[in-house]
Amino acid sequence: MIQSVAFIGLGAMGYRMAAHLPKHFNEVYVWNRNHDKAKQHAAEYGTQAVDLRQASQADVIFSCLPTSQEVDAILAQVQLKKGCIWVDCTSGVPEAAKAQALHLAAQGVHFLDAPVSGQTIGAENATLTFMVGGDSDAFQQARPAMQAMGQLIKHVGGSGAGFAVKAINNMMMAVHLCAAAEGFTTLKAHGVNLNEALACINASSGKSGVTETALPQRILNREFPLTFALPLLAKDTGIAIDLVREAKLSAPVIGLTQSLIQAANALAEPNSDFSTAIKLYESWSNITLE
């Protein structure tokens, strides 16, 4: 039975995710590098803003940080209690997850790499998808805590498998984004009504998550709301291409897409949403997708 849960990292995703935990557990601790944000969360949702030492004593500890490096830095500072489970929702590096799992196993602690998908709206509505790697028994023990924040929770393999699935998922989304950019630029060059064309495509075989959500809600309306930053997508496509290389595979579409996303990120304004990658194509064609 899970008596206490902690959440480390109250960013755009973590802040919303942790808000659901007090509905299911009596003891919910939150920690953030900016302690004022943790206190704000406690006042808003009934969690407890604590120091890192107390957060590390929970039965299940979630982390949601920018990269695996930040997770390593936190792990180096804490002494965890034997038998607890660390669930890392960072979109991290598979090899880092394997090393972290080994490091914590020596302390009698299980580590699960459990990145999520669904963006901030999914975090808000507790409808996230969890893709989890690590020990299957630890997964079953921690599953009730993940269910408080997610709708689809899947154990996808051993340590690192969760991070691998997330990286490939985000790479595929980037492929769809680049394909949509090229396709809709071509349509506009031929005088096609983009909104009507989008309705046709979303009822046909060319549809994707990009055409169903990113194009109408971010790009064609020119709003580009920041929910998933372009630098994070660039990081994830980098992880994906590393997985391809480690497997000694040929993946020309993935390789080209990674280069395009890196180029878009280099040209973008700081803290741009992933959907602003479309502006790379607009700069080349002098055609604005709207």
Protein backbone atom coordinates (compact mmCIF):
# COMPACT_ATOMS: atom_id res chain seq x y z
CA MET A 1 0.00 0.00 0.00
CA ILE A 2 1.26 3.48 -0.90
CA GLN A 3 1.20 5.68 2.18
CA SER A 4 3.02 8.73 0.82
CA VAL A 5 3.86 10.19 -2.58
CA ALA A 6 6.31 12.92 -3.51
CA PHE A 7 6.62 14.97 -6.69
CA ILE A 8 9.94 16.61 -7.61
CA GLY A 9 9.85 19.26 -10.32
CA LEU A 10 6.86 21.57 -10.70
CA GLY A 11 7.25 22.76 -14.25
CA ALA A 12 4.49 23.08 -16.83
CA MET A 13 3.75 19.36 -16.63
CA GLY A 14 4.72 18.54 -13.06
CA TYR A 15 2.67 21.33 -11.50
CA ARG A 16 -0.50 20.00 -13.10
CA MET A 17 0.32 16.33 -12.59
CA ALA A 18 1.00 16.67 -8.87
CA ALA A 19 -2.32 18.47 -8.39
CA HIS A 20 -4.22 15.17 -8.77
CA LEU A 21 -2.31 13.23 -6.14
CA PRO A 22 -4.05 14.65 -3.00
CA LYS A 23 -7.34 13.30 -4.37
CA HIS A 24 -5.97 9.77 -3.92
CA PHE A 25 -3.30 9.90 -1.19
CA ASN A 26 -3.19 11.51 2.26
CA GLU A 27 0.50 12.40 2.29
CA VAL A 28 1.66 14.23 -0.85
CA TYR A 29 4.97 16.12 -0.77
CA VAL A 30 6.13 18.55 -3.45
CA TRP A 31 9.60 19.95 -4.01
CA ASN A 32 10.81 22.45 -6.54
CA ARG A 33 14.10 24.27 -6.94
CA ASN A 34 12.10 27.47 -6.48
CA HIS A 35 10.53 26.73 -3.10
CA ASP A 36 7.95 29.51 -3.52
CA LYS A 37 6.43 27.53 -6.37
CA ALA A 38 6.12 24.49 -4.11
CA LYS A 39 4.43 26.62 -1.44
CA GLN A 40 2.05 27.99 -4.07
CA HIS A 41 1.20 24.43 -5.13
CA ALA A 42 0.56 23.45 -1.51
CA ALA A 43 -1.77 26.40 -0.99
CA GLU A 44 -3.64 25.67 -4.21
CA TYR A 45 -3.97 21.89 -4.07
CA GLY A 46 -3.41 20.75 -0.50
CA THR A 47 0.01 19.20 -1.03
CA GLN A 48 2.89 19.73 1.41
CA ALA A 49 5.86 21.87 0.33
CA VAL A 50 8.91 20.15 1.80
CA ASP A 51 12.68 20.05 1.51
CA LEU A 52 14.43 17.48 -0.64
CA ARG A 53 15.30 15.31 2.35
CA GLN A 54 11.66 14.86 3.34
CA ALA A 55 10.51 14.38 -0.26
CA SER A 56 13.02 11.57 -0.64
CA GLN A 57 11.36 9.60 2.18
CA ALA A 58 8.07 8.99 0.38
CA ASP A 59 6.98 5.52 -0.72
CA VAL A 60 6.71 6.60 -4.36
CA ILE A 61 8.71 9.53 -5.67
CA PHE A 62 7.96 11.14 -9.03
CA SER A 63 10.42 13.37 -10.82
CA CYS A 64 9.66 15.48 -13.88
CA LEU A 65 12.75 17.44 -14.90
CA PRO A 66 14.17 18.78 -18.19
CA THR A 67 16.83 16.10 -18.75
CA SER A 68 18.44 13.02 -17.22
CA GLN A 69 21.33 15.20 -16.03
CA GLU A 70 19.05 17.08 -13.63
CA VAL A 71 17.73 13.77 -12.32
CA ASP A 72 21.30 12.57 -11.71
CA ALA A 73 22.03 15.77 -9.78
CA ILE A 74 19.00 15.21 -7.53
CA LEU A 75 19.80 11.54 -6.97
CA ALA A 76 23.32 12.50 -5.87
CA GLN A 77 21.85 14.68 -3.09
CA VAL A 78 19.36 12.28 -1.50
CA GLN A 79 19.41 9.19 0.68
CA LEU A 80 16.32 7.18 -0.18
CA LYS A 81 14.59 4.74 2.10
CA LYS A 82 14.87 1.08 1.21
CA GLY A 83 11.89 -0.28 -0.71
CA CYS A 84 10.69 2.99 -2.21
CA ILE A 85 10.12 3.45 -5.94
CA TRP A 86 11.46 6.36 -7.97
CA VAL A 87 9.31 7.08 -11.03
CA ASP A 88 11.03 9.42 -13.46
CA CYS A 89 8.65 11.18 -15.84
CA THR A 90 11.45 13.10 -17.51
CA SER A 91 11.87 12.52 -21.25
CA GLY A 92 15.29 11.11 -20.55
CA VAL A 93 18.06 9.06 -22.08
CA PRO A 94 17.61 5.26 -22.09
CA GLU A 95 21.25 4.59 -21.12
CA ALA A 96 20.90 7.04 -18.22
CA ALA A 97 17.84 5.13 -16.98
CA LYS A 98 19.80 1.88 -16.96
CA ALA A 99 22.59 3.51 -14.94
CA GLN A 100 20.13 5.15 -12.54
CA ALA A 101 18.32 1.85 -12.00
CA LEU A 102 21.60 0.11 -11.15
CA HIS A 103 22.65 2.93 -8.84
CA LEU A 104 19.39 2.84 -6.88
CA ALA A 105 19.19 -0.96 -6.82
CA ALA A 106 22.32 -0.90 -4.66
CA GLN A 107 20.26 1.08 -2.11
CA GLY A 108 17.31 -1.32 -2.30
CA VAL A 109 15.32 1.17 -4.38
CA HIS A 110 13.54 0.57 -7.69
CA PHE A 111 13.81 3.07 -10.56
CA LEU A 112 11.19 3.29 -13.30
CA ASP A 113 11.63 5.43 -16.39
CA ALA A 114 8.09 6.60 -17.02
CA PRO A 115 7.85 9.51 -19.46
CA VAL A 116 4.40 10.81 -20.28
CA SER A 117 2.59 12.02 -23.37
CA GLY A 118 -0.48 14.21 -23.64
CA GLN A 119 0.95 17.70 -23.12
CA THR A 120 -0.33 20.13 -20.50
CA ILE A 121 -3.99 19.50 -21.32
CA GLY A 122 -3.47 15.83 -20.52
CA ALA A 123 -1.72 16.74 -17.28
CA GLU A 124 -4.59 19.08 -16.43
CA ASN A 125 -7.23 16.42 -17.05
CA ALA A 126 -5.30 13.41 -15.68
CA THR A 127 -5.47 11.74 -19.09
CA LEU A 128 -1.75 11.29 -19.72
CA THR A 129 -0.18 8.23 -21.28
CA PHE A 130 2.62 6.65 -19.21
CA MET A 131 5.18 4.50 -21.06
CA VAL A 132 7.12 2.71 -18.35
CA GLY A 133 10.40 0.83 -18.32
CA GLY A 134 11.89 -1.10 -15.41
CA ASP A 135 11.06 -3.89 -13.01
CA SER A 136 7.55 -5.26 -13.62
CA ASP A 137 6.79 -5.82 -9.92
CA ALA A 138 7.81 -2.25 -9.08
CA PHE A 139 5.60 -1.09 -11.94
CA GLN A 140 2.59 -2.87 -10.46
CA GLN A 141 3.30 -1.37 -7.03
CA ALA A 142 3.61 2.18 -8.37
CA ARG A 143 0.78 1.87 -10.89
CA PRO A 144 -1.97 3.27 -8.56
CA ALA A 145 -0.01 6.50 -8.20
CA MET A 146 0.40 6.79 -11.97
CA GLN A 147 -3.30 6.09 -12.45
CA ALA A 148 -4.04 9.23 -10.43
CA MET A 149 -2.51 11.24 -13.27
CA GLY A 150 -2.90 9.11 -16.37
CA GLN A 151 -5.40 7.22 -18.45
CA LEU A 152 -3.19 4.74 -20.32
CA ILE A 153 -0.34 3.20 -18.31
CA LYS A 154 1.78 0.61 -20.10
CA HIS A 155 4.85 -1.35 -19.03
CA VAL A 156 6.90 -1.44 -22.24
CA GLY A 157 10.04 -3.30 -21.14
CA GLY A 158 13.14 -3.16 -18.97
CA SER A 159 15.06 -0.09 -17.81
CA GLY A 160 15.35 2.49 -20.58
CA ALA A 161 12.42 1.15 -22.59
CA GLY A 162 10.06 3.91 -21.47
CA PHE A 163 12.50 6.62 -22.49
CA ALA A 164 13.08 4.85 -25.82
CA VAL A 165 9.35 4.74 -26.62
CA LYS A 166 8.96 8.43 -25.74
CA ALA A 167 11.89 9.46 -27.92
CA ILE A 168 10.60 7.51 -30.92
CA ASN A 169 7.06 8.81 -30.34
CA ASN A 170 8.30 12.39 -30.37
CA MET A 171 10.49 11.71 -33.38
CA MET A 172 7.46 10.39 -35.26
CA MET A 173 5.54 13.51 -34.30
CA ALA A 174 8.43 15.58 -35.67
CA VAL A 175 8.27 13.60 -38.93
CA HIS A 176 4.54 14.35 -39.16
CA LEU A 177 5.21 18.03 -38.43
CA CYS A 178 7.78 18.29 -41.22
CA ALA A 179 5.53 16.40 -43.63
CA ALA A 180 2.60 18.70 -42.82
CA ALA A 181 4.78 21.77 -43.29
CA GLU A 182 5.86 20.65 -46.74
CA GLY A 183 2.43 19.43 -47.77
CA PHE A 184 0.51 22.51 -46.68
CA THR A 185 3.14 24.87 -48.09
CA THR A 186 2.67 23.12 -51.44
CA LEU A 187 -1.11 23.39 -51.18
CA LYS A 188 -0.99 27.11 -50.41
CA ALA A 189 1.41 27.69 -53.30
CA HIS A 190 -1.34 26.26 -55.52
CA GLY A 191 -4.03 28.52 -54.07
CA VAL A 192 -5.80 25.86 -52.00
CA ASN A 193 -7.94 26.89 -49.01
CA LEU A 194 -5.90 25.41 -46.16
CA ASN A 195 -8.69 25.12 -43.60
CA GLU A 196 -10.95 23.27 -46.02
CA ALA A 197 -8.05 21.08 -47.13
CA LEU A 198 -7.31 20.29 -43.49
CA ALA A 199 -10.89 19.12 -42.97
CA CYS A 200 -10.51 16.76 -45.93
CA ILE A 201 -7.18 15.39 -44.76
CA ASN A 202 -8.43 14.84 -41.23
CA ALA A 203 -11.18 12.66 -42.68
CA SER A 204 -8.69 10.79 -44.84
CA SER A 205 -5.56 8.64 -44.62
CA GLY A 206 -3.13 11.56 -44.36
CA LYS A 207 -4.29 12.64 -40.91
CA SER A 208 -2.04 12.60 -37.85
CA GLY A 209 -1.91 14.17 -34.42
CA VAL A 210 -0.20 17.14 -36.07
CA THR A 211 -3.03 17.71 -38.55
CA GLU A 212 -5.72 17.09 -35.95
CA THR A 213 -4.35 19.39 -33.23
CA ALA A 214 -1.13 21.27 -34.00
CA LEU A 215 -2.18 22.71 -37.36
CA PRO A 216 -5.65 24.00 -36.36
CA GLN A 217 -4.89 24.95 -32.74
CA ARG A 218 -1.35 26.32 -33.02
CA ILE A 219 -0.18 27.00 -36.56
CA LEU A 220 -2.99 28.08 -38.89
CA ASN A 221 -4.34 30.42 -36.20
CA ARG A 222 -0.76 31.72 -35.62
CA GLU A 223 -1.06 31.39 -31.84
CA PHE A 224 1.79 28.92 -31.14
CA PRO A 225 0.93 28.48 -27.42
CA LEU A 226 3.91 27.24 -25.42
CA THR A 227 3.10 23.82 -23.98
CA PHE A 228 5.99 21.69 -25.28
CA ALA A 229 9.13 23.65 -26.00
CA LEU A 230 11.00 23.24 -29.28
CA PRO A 231 14.35 22.70 -27.48
CA LEU A 232 12.80 19.70 -25.72
CA LEU A 233 11.65 18.26 -29.04
CA ALA A 234 15.17 18.81 -30.39
CA LYS A 235 16.53 16.92 -27.37
CA ASP A 236 14.12 14.04 -27.95
CA THR A 237 14.90 13.75 -31.67
CA GLY A 238 18.56 13.62 -30.68
CA ILE A 239 17.84 10.72 -28.33
CA ALA A 240 15.93 8.96 -31.10
CA ILE A 241 18.76 9.26 -33.62
CA ASP A 242 21.18 7.94 -30.99
CA LEU A 243 18.95 4.88 -30.58
CA VAL A 244 19.09 4.32 -34.34
CA ARG A 245 22.87 4.58 -34.36
CA GLU A 246 23.28 2.30 -31.35
CA ALA A 247 21.23 -0.35 -33.17
CA LYS A 248 23.34 0.19 -36.34
CA LEU A 249 20.21 0.77 -38.40
CA SER A 250 19.53 2.83 -41.49
CA ALA A 251 16.76 5.38 -40.91
CA PRO A 252 17.01 8.16 -43.51
CA VAL A 253 13.67 9.79 -42.68
CA ILE A 254 14.53 9.96 -38.98
CA GLY A 255 18.00 11.29 -39.76
CA LEU A 256 16.71 14.05 -42.04
CA THR A 257 13.96 15.01 -39.62
CA GLN A 258 16.43 15.28 -36.75
CA SER A 259 18.56 17.66 -38.83
CA LEU A 260 15.52 19.78 -39.70
CA ILE A 261 14.34 20.04 -36.10
CA GLN A 262 17.83 20.98 -34.94
CA ALA A 263 17.97 23.69 -37.63
CA ALA A 264 14.54 25.00 -36.65
CA ASN A 265 15.56 25.10 -33.01
CA ALA A 266 18.74 27.02 -33.81
CA LEU A 267 16.72 29.71 -35.61
CA ALA A 268 13.80 29.94 -33.16
CA GLU A 269 13.23 32.50 -30.45
CA PRO A 270 14.00 31.24 -26.91
CA ASN A 271 11.21 29.21 -25.29
CA SER A 272 9.36 28.67 -28.55
CA ASP A 273 6.69 25.98 -28.82
CA PHE A 274 7.52 22.89 -30.89
CA SER A 275 5.00 23.99 -33.52
CA THR A 276 7.18 27.01 -34.39
CA ALA A 277 9.45 24.58 -36.27
CA ILE A 278 7.04 25.26 -39.12
CA LYS A 279 8.59 28.73 -39.43
CA LEU A 280 11.77 27.18 -40.83
CA TYR A 281 9.79 26.14 -43.90
CA GLU A 282 8.08 29.52 -44.05
CA SER A 283 11.46 31.25 -44.12
CA TRP A 284 12.52 29.07 -47.05
CA SER A 285 9.34 29.44 -49.10
CA ASN A 286 8.17 32.93 -48.10
CA ILE A 287 4.75 31.30 -47.63
CA THR A 288 2.93 31.72 -44.33
CA LEU A 289 0.62 28.91 -43.25
CA GLU A 290 -2.56 30.62 -42.11
